[in-house]
């Protein structure tokens, strides 16, 4: 069942809302991200919702998505999501989603759904960080606080929808250590969401794009104002059950930048220390032309 898009505008669940037009065709609307363009994390989340609604096998859950941001989305017009079904196998279902606006493809996603099977397991240990109850301030970079600039213009939703706290001892100006720039945040969605695994995975996809560009640019903050910045491609792997209404620890780093591109990586841990999702994003960060 597709989430009702006609509910109030003050709910996070509306950010995932779609209207089904035909068997594999859906439409949705996106709020602004960086100025004058739709927030990429929301487009990815809605695309995942559209794909998930075409998977009829109820024992299959999303385990990965890979997407490309091709053109800026407009926030005042609807976006159409076209879902293709390349294969439904014995344990995997693959979907391809195109997001179209005014006849142009602005976004593409390949996503896979799979059964949960028995097998060996391991994971990184969860970092030891202060619990979110001991953190007092929302993690908002100083540049965002400029007069006349809203949080959503920089991919930061309103605080009553999402809480984001830095788990580091310092602010956004953390130094590089041994050539590495690392950042750790606590994040959660404040409004209760359904425990539907597709809704939870889509909400985490929404969160996964909020700060990745900023992480890739962070080691070059002295020239950041001269750079053109945007998400290029984004991938998420899902490793276990998700509850975005509980605090998630999001560790991020940026191993490399060059040629006008920057790479950022992230890991989501739940409160029990389970690694529930991994994220990798490549960003455009080139000198303005």
Protein backbone atom coordinates (compact mmCIF):
# COMPACT_ATOMS: atom_id res chain seq x y z
CA UNK A 1 0.00 0.00 0.00
CA UNK A 2 1.38 3.41 -0.98
CA UNK A 3 1.61 6.00 1.78
CA UNK A 4 -1.03 8.70 1.46
CA UNK A 5 0.42 11.86 -0.04
CA UNK A 6 -2.50 13.98 1.14
CA UNK A 7 -1.63 14.12 4.83
CA UNK A 8 -0.41 17.24 6.65
CA UNK A 9 2.77 18.97 5.54
CA UNK A 10 4.40 18.88 8.98
CA UNK A 11 5.07 15.13 9.06
CA UNK A 12 8.23 13.32 8.03
CA UNK A 13 6.21 10.46 6.56
CA UNK A 14 5.00 12.90 3.89
CA UNK A 15 8.60 13.13 2.65
CA UNK A 16 8.22 9.52 1.46
CA UNK A 17 4.69 9.89 0.09
CA UNK A 18 3.84 8.67 -3.41
CA UNK A 19 0.75 8.44 -5.55
CA UNK A 20 0.43 5.34 -7.72
CA UNK A 21 -0.52 6.27 -11.30
CA UNK A 22 -0.24 2.85 -12.94
CA UNK A 23 1.20 -0.58 -12.21
CA UNK A 24 4.83 0.60 -12.11
CA UNK A 25 4.41 4.39 -12.24
CA UNK A 26 4.37 6.69 -9.20
CA UNK A 27 4.57 10.43 -8.56
CA UNK A 28 5.86 12.44 -5.63
CA UNK A 29 7.02 15.91 -4.58
CA UNK A 30 10.33 16.95 -3.01
CA UNK A 31 11.26 19.78 -0.68
CA UNK A 32 14.27 21.96 -1.41
CA UNK A 33 17.77 20.79 -0.66
CA UNK A 34 20.63 23.04 -1.71
CA UNK A 35 19.12 26.26 -3.04
CA UNK A 36 16.74 25.86 -5.99
CA UNK A 37 17.01 22.09 -6.31
CA UNK A 38 15.29 19.09 -4.76
CA UNK A 39 17.05 17.28 -1.90
CA UNK A 40 18.73 14.20 -3.40
CA UNK A 41 18.21 12.04 -0.33
CA UNK A 42 14.47 12.47 -0.64
CA UNK A 43 14.47 11.56 -4.34
CA UNK A 44 16.45 8.41 -3.51
CA UNK A 45 14.06 7.58 -0.65
CA UNK A 46 11.00 8.01 -2.84
CA UNK A 47 12.59 5.94 -5.63
CA UNK A 48 13.22 3.14 -3.13
CA UNK A 49 9.60 3.34 -1.95
CA UNK A 50 8.43 3.07 -5.57
CA UNK A 51 10.68 0.06 -6.23
CA UNK A 52 9.60 -1.66 -3.03
CA UNK A 53 5.92 -1.39 -3.91
CA UNK A 54 6.55 -3.49 -7.04
CA UNK A 55 8.15 -6.39 -5.11
CA UNK A 56 5.28 -8.78 -4.48
CA UNK A 57 7.26 -11.39 -2.51
CA UNK A 58 6.82 -10.38 1.13
CA UNK A 59 9.88 -12.32 2.32
CA UNK A 60 12.29 -10.01 0.42
CA UNK A 61 13.87 -6.93 1.90
CA UNK A 62 16.02 -4.24 0.33
CA UNK A 63 19.71 -5.04 0.73
CA UNK A 64 21.36 -2.50 -1.59
CA UNK A 65 20.78 0.50 -3.81
CA UNK A 66 23.01 2.33 -6.27
CA UNK A 67 21.93 5.64 -7.72
CA UNK A 68 23.07 8.52 -9.92
CA UNK A 69 21.98 12.13 -9.63
CA UNK A 70 21.81 13.30 -13.25
CA UNK A 71 20.06 16.68 -13.17
CA UNK A 72 18.79 19.02 -10.44
CA UNK A 73 15.17 18.30 -9.51
CA UNK A 74 12.68 21.16 -9.31
CA UNK A 75 10.87 21.51 -6.02
CA UNK A 76 7.66 23.10 -7.32
CA UNK A 77 6.78 20.32 -9.78
CA UNK A 78 5.96 16.65 -9.29
CA UNK A 79 8.49 13.91 -10.05
CA UNK A 80 7.44 10.74 -11.87
CA UNK A 81 9.08 7.46 -10.87
CA UNK A 82 9.12 4.73 -13.55
CA UNK A 83 9.97 1.25 -12.25
CA UNK A 84 11.37 -1.54 -14.43
CA UNK A 85 11.41 -5.18 -13.24
CA UNK A 86 14.48 -6.87 -14.81
CA UNK A 87 14.25 -10.02 -12.70
CA UNK A 88 12.44 -11.84 -9.93
CA UNK A 89 14.54 -14.88 -9.07
CA UNK A 90 14.25 -17.51 -6.36
CA UNK A 91 15.85 -15.26 -3.71
CA UNK A 92 16.56 -11.87 -5.37
CA UNK A 93 14.37 -9.23 -7.01
CA UNK A 94 16.05 -6.45 -9.00
CA UNK A 95 14.44 -3.12 -9.87
CA UNK A 96 15.53 -0.12 -11.93
CA UNK A 97 13.91 3.25 -11.20
CA UNK A 98 14.03 6.40 -13.31
CA UNK A 99 12.90 9.72 -11.85
CA UNK A 100 11.55 11.94 -14.62
CA UNK A 101 10.63 15.60 -14.54
CA UNK A 102 9.46 17.62 -17.58
CA UNK A 103 10.42 14.76 -19.90
CA UNK A 104 14.01 14.51 -18.62
CA UNK A 105 15.54 11.80 -16.45
CA UNK A 106 16.94 13.52 -13.35
CA UNK A 107 17.86 10.42 -11.33
CA UNK A 108 18.42 6.67 -11.79
CA UNK A 109 18.54 3.86 -9.24
CA UNK A 110 19.22 0.15 -9.34
CA UNK A 111 18.08 -1.63 -6.20
CA UNK A 112 17.96 -5.24 -5.07
CA UNK A 113 15.66 -7.05 -2.65
CA UNK A 114 16.60 -10.42 -1.16
CA UNK A 115 15.50 -13.10 1.24
CA UNK A 116 17.32 -13.37 4.58
CA UNK A 117 19.38 -16.56 4.66
CA UNK A 118 21.67 -18.27 7.16
CA UNK A 119 25.41 -17.67 6.87
CA UNK A 120 28.52 -16.45 8.74
CA UNK A 121 28.61 -12.90 10.11
CA UNK A 122 31.11 -10.29 11.35
CA UNK A 123 31.28 -6.50 11.65
CA UNK A 124 33.45 -3.59 12.82
CA UNK A 125 33.21 -2.77 16.52
CA UNK A 126 31.04 0.25 17.22
CA UNK A 127 33.12 3.35 18.15
CA UNK A 128 32.94 4.47 21.76
CA UNK A 129 31.16 7.82 21.67
CA UNK A 130 29.22 9.92 24.16
CA UNK A 131 25.52 8.97 24.17
CA UNK A 132 23.22 11.54 22.55
CA UNK A 133 21.66 12.38 25.93
CA UNK A 134 24.95 14.09 26.86
CA UNK A 135 25.03 16.21 23.70
CA UNK A 136 23.25 19.51 23.93
CA UNK A 137 23.44 21.24 20.54
CA UNK A 138 22.16 20.40 17.10
CA UNK A 139 25.09 19.94 14.70
CA UNK A 140 24.64 22.84 12.25
CA UNK A 141 27.68 24.29 10.43
CA UNK A 142 28.23 27.98 11.06
CA UNK A 143 27.84 28.81 7.35
CA UNK A 144 24.24 27.65 7.49
CA UNK A 145 23.39 30.22 10.14
CA UNK A 146 23.91 33.12 7.71
CA UNK A 147 20.99 35.59 7.67
CA UNK A 148 18.22 34.59 5.30
CA UNK A 149 19.48 31.01 4.78
CA UNK A 150 17.14 28.26 5.97
CA UNK A 151 18.19 24.80 7.16
CA UNK A 152 16.40 23.04 4.32
CA UNK A 153 18.33 25.09 1.77
CA UNK A 154 21.39 23.16 2.95
CA UNK A 155 19.73 19.71 3.22
CA UNK A 156 19.05 20.17 6.94
CA UNK A 157 15.37 19.47 7.67
CA UNK A 158 13.57 21.22 10.52
CA UNK A 159 14.76 20.18 13.96
CA UNK A 160 11.32 18.89 14.97
CA UNK A 161 11.59 16.27 12.20
CA UNK A 162 15.23 15.20 12.52
CA UNK A 163 17.76 15.53 15.34
CA UNK A 164 21.43 15.58 14.38
CA UNK A 165 24.16 15.90 17.01
CA UNK A 166 27.92 15.85 16.67
CA UNK A 167 29.56 13.12 18.74
CA UNK A 168 32.97 14.74 18.27
CA UNK A 169 34.57 17.07 20.79
CA UNK A 170 34.93 19.91 18.30
CA UNK A 171 32.83 21.53 15.59
CA UNK A 172 32.81 21.18 11.81
CA UNK A 173 36.48 22.27 11.74
CA UNK A 174 37.87 18.91 12.83
CA UNK A 175 41.49 18.43 11.73
CA UNK A 176 42.93 15.69 9.57
CA UNK A 177 44.80 13.04 11.58
CA UNK A 178 47.35 10.85 9.75
CA UNK A 179 45.83 12.00 6.48
CA UNK A 180 42.32 11.05 7.59
CA UNK A 181 39.31 13.26 8.16
CA UNK A 182 36.65 11.52 10.26
CA UNK A 183 33.38 12.71 11.75
CA UNK A 184 30.80 11.04 13.96
CA UNK A 185 27.18 12.07 14.47
CA UNK A 186 24.07 10.87 16.26
CA UNK A 187 20.90 11.12 14.20
CA UNK A 188 17.26 10.08 14.49
CA UNK A 189 13.83 10.96 13.12
CA UNK A 190 11.73 12.43 15.91
CA UNK A 191 8.28 11.51 14.57
CA UNK A 192 7.17 7.90 14.94
CA UNK A 193 7.27 6.00 11.64
CA UNK A 194 5.65 2.67 10.75
CA UNK A 195 7.78 -0.40 11.46
CA UNK A 196 7.39 -1.43 7.82
CA UNK A 197 10.95 -2.41 6.72
CA UNK A 198 10.52 -0.55 3.40
CA UNK A 199 9.53 2.68 5.16
CA UNK A 200 12.42 2.35 7.62
CA UNK A 201 14.98 1.65 4.86
CA UNK A 202 13.67 4.56 2.79
CA UNK A 203 13.89 6.89 5.79
CA UNK A 204 17.50 5.82 6.41
CA UNK A 205 18.24 6.43 2.71
CA UNK A 206 16.88 9.96 3.23
CA UNK A 207 19.25 10.47 6.19
CA UNK A 208 22.25 8.97 4.41
CA UNK A 209 22.63 11.91 2.00
CA UNK A 210 22.42 14.76 4.50
CA UNK A 211 26.09 15.37 5.24
CA UNK A 212 28.18 13.33 2.80
CA UNK A 213 29.07 16.21 0.47
CA UNK A 214 30.08 18.30 3.46
CA UNK A 215 32.33 15.49 4.73
CA UNK A 216 34.12 15.20 1.36
CA UNK A 217 34.70 18.96 1.23
CA UNK A 218 35.69 19.36 4.90
CA UNK A 219 39.48 18.89 4.47
CA UNK A 220 39.40 21.78 1.97
CA UNK A 221 37.25 24.23 3.91
CA UNK A 222 39.70 27.06 3.15
CA UNK A 223 38.61 26.92 -0.52
CA UNK A 224 35.10 25.51 -0.06
CA UNK A 225 33.45 28.79 -1.08
CA UNK A 226 35.10 28.54 -4.50
CA UNK A 227 33.79 25.03 -5.23
CA UNK A 228 30.77 23.80 -7.12
CA UNK A 229 29.33 20.99 -4.99
CA UNK A 230 26.70 18.32 -5.62
CA UNK A 231 26.04 14.61 -5.09
CA UNK A 232 26.96 12.56 -8.17
CA UNK A 233 26.34 8.95 -7.18
CA UNK A 234 25.26 7.29 -3.97
CA UNK A 235 25.14 3.69 -2.73
CA UNK A 236 23.70 2.11 0.41
CA UNK A 237 23.95 -1.48 1.66
CA UNK A 238 21.51 -2.59 4.36
CA UNK A 239 22.76 -5.16 6.87
CA UNK A 240 19.99 -5.57 9.46
CA UNK A 241 16.72 -4.34 10.94
CA UNK A 242 16.35 -0.53 11.06
CA UNK A 243 14.56 1.77 13.48
CA UNK A 244 15.22 5.39 12.56
CA UNK A 245 13.15 6.61 15.54
CA UNK A 246 15.96 5.44 17.83
CA UNK A 247 19.38 7.09 17.84
CA UNK A 248 21.77 5.92 15.14
CA UNK A 249 25.52 6.55 15.27
CA UNK A 250 26.74 7.69 11.84
CA UNK A 251 30.52 7.52 11.39
CA UNK A 252 31.91 9.16 8.26
CA UNK A 253 35.25 9.69 6.56
CA UNK A 254 36.64 10.84 3.21
CA UNK A 255 39.50 8.69 1.89
CA UNK A 256 40.25 10.59 -1.33
CA UNK A 257 39.46 13.61 -3.49
CA UNK A 258 40.82 14.57 -6.90
CA UNK A 259 39.89 15.43 -10.46
CA UNK A 260 36.97 17.53 -9.26
CA UNK A 261 35.43 14.63 -7.32
CA UNK A 262 35.44 13.66 -3.64
CA UNK A 263 34.59 10.34 -2.00
CA UNK A 264 32.87 9.95 1.38
CA UNK A 265 32.00 6.80 3.31
CA UNK A 266 29.65 6.23 6.23
CA UNK A 267 28.53 3.50 8.65
CA UNK A 268 25.26 3.47 10.61
CA UNK A 269 25.21 1.69 13.98
CA UNK A 270 22.14 1.23 16.18
CA UNK A 271 22.04 1.69 19.95
CA UNK A 272 22.91 -1.99 20.47
CA UNK A 273 26.12 -1.55 18.46
CA UNK A 274 24.89 -3.41 15.39
CA UNK A 275 26.18 -2.18 12.03
CA UNK A 276 22.92 -1.79 10.11
CA UNK A 277 23.93 0.08 6.93
CA UNK A 278 26.97 1.23 4.92
CA UNK A 279 27.05 4.26 2.63
CA UNK A 280 29.44 5.47 -0.08
CA UNK A 281 28.97 8.68 -2.05
CA UNK A 282 30.96 10.47 -4.73
CA UNK A 283 30.51 14.23 -4.85
CA UNK A 284 31.24 16.91 -7.40
CA UNK A 285 33.65 19.39 -5.79
CA UNK A 286 35.31 21.27 -8.59
CA UNK A 287 36.43 24.87 -8.92
CA UNK A 288 33.53 26.98 -10.14
CA UNK A 289 33.61 27.56 -13.87
